[in-house]
Amino acid sequence: MKFVLSVAIFLAALAAVAAMGNPVTPYEAGQEAAASTGELDAIVFGKLGQLGIQAANTCSDAVFVRRVYLDVLGTLPTAQEAASFIGDNHANKRAALIDVLLDRPEFADYWGMKWCDLLRVKAEFPVNLWPNAAQGYDHWIRASIAGNMPYSQFARELLTANGSNFLTPQVNFYRSAGSKEPKAIVRAVALTFMGERTEKWPKEKLDGMAAFFSQIGFKATGEWKEEIVYFNGFDDSKSPAAKAVLPDGTPVTLSPYVDPRVEFTNWLISSNNSPFAANAANRIWYWLMGRGIIQEPDDIRPDNPPSNPQLLAWLARDLVSAHYDLKHLSRTILNSRTYQLSCIPRTKDPRGELYFAYHPLRRLEAEEMIDALDQITGTTEQYSSMVPEPFTWIPPEQRAVCIPDGSITSAFLDLFGKPPRDTGLLSERNDHPTSGQRLHLLNSTHIQSKLTSSAKLMTLFRSNPTPRDTARQLYLTILSRYPTDAELLALRAYAQSSESKGLQVWYDLAWALLNSPEFCYRH
């Protein structure tokens, strides 16, 4: 297939992203941001006012519908969903859409992927949960999210679990720590639930917390690769540490008959001195806003303070008052004016990004990108593990965000920065664009074959009564918005002057849109 693209049509396809990838449509042109509502917005815009930083306008409906689908479900809206939302005149339609999306099953799929990255759900080297355990762990995480399990209960079940790694998936938290040594377990606990990296802790602090995890036993069974994780306090050969110290400096006397993990967990989820709630709030904010109030969210330390301490404290209090309901916290953030700001800054002040004066641009994650390409073209992918263990076959219709095991991947996912899930660090996921990624979208037979073999696109090209209708449907399908008049004029000129004729014009346009920053970025 010959992909030909004139300068005119290429510029037309990218016209909406000339201003940093955020289309300025009739829905947004001249629109001023409404007065801030809610305490969250009052804190954010109060800080911006103190600093003399001007906030961006509120984003258009077309930008919002695409943004919220990606952030909540990890998928693009269909053309019908985008058109329906854009054409809806109800004043509360954004809040109504947020409620609908948070209740869809894809929410647990997508956010389950995020938590599986954090919790190192991986069957093979170097984590070695093994396939049965990895699939059970993945299922428990996603079921917990689908059931809206309170985050405090989620943490308690992971930290105090006993049992078989096959039958009690929560115990895989300890098996994924990289080592069975107490200090290695502390590193995983601190990173996951406190957002802290223990390599920056003083030795006394690390030793004091390690005592809480010194009584964990690991025992093999007759089942292949099954292991029992249990409280080993009654083992006379393994006496408890003489000194246990909570991260806030409080000493605790341990008993060989009481699981010290329970004492630590009680402090973690109930103490005002614990960073538990603030870390969770900061992480959810990061996942929705593209930047943490403390940045990086997994590098919390005294010399890396929050950009807006009042905002982080308010979010943490709100989470606690909602009984650790993470969906409630997500809903609060999504409904805020802060989240719904345009990505087009109205200030040249470099502090604008730090204080959330506009929505940051972020490239689609690897799984989102391939799922979007499959949704647009109606095609599928093949995913596999490099290590030939059983239970690694993935149904072709399954979305990439639903892959239950970090060992299972594809060349595309690796190229676009899917994390290996080796450490639980956010830096494992690489969403920065590379020349290899650009060349793959531009020139690879992988992308071209998706376009040329797409019965879905062929139906779209043939089923619309006019070229204008075809263009509108194609833009809705790929960019979740209607084309501008300038883009339609450029497309007509290209069709009249190009060597490409008939359906080839539409394939060229689809290829151009898929290679545009507006498609590749969430904005």
Foldseek 3Di string as FASTA:
>chain_A
DDFDDDPLLLCQLQVQCPLPQARDDPQHVPAAADDFDDPLRCLLVVVCVVVVFAFFGFGGLLQLQQLLCCLQQVAGDALVVLVVRNPDPDPCSLLVVLVVSLLDLSRLLQVLLVVCLLLLLACDPPLNLHDLLLLVLSVVSSVCSNVLPFPLVVLVLLLAPWFKSNPRSSPSSCSRLRDVQLLSSVQSCCLRQVLAGCVPPPPVLSVQASLLSQQWDWADDPDVSMITIDGRLVPPVRHGDQWHAANVGRIDGDDSVDRSSVVNSCCQPPPPPHNRLLLLLQVLCCSLQVAGLQPPSSHDDPVRDGLRVVSSVVLSVVCVVVSRRVSVSNSVLSPGSLSRGAQRGPDPPPCCSSSSSHRHKFFRFLLSLVQLLCQLQVFFDFKAAPDPDPPGGDPRVDGPSNRSHLRIDDPSNVQQFPASSNNSDPVSGDRDDDPVNLCCLQPNPVSVCSLVVRPPLVCLLPVDPDPQSSQQSLCCSQLSGGRDPSSVVSLVVCQVPDPDHDCSSVSNSSSSNSSHSNRRISD
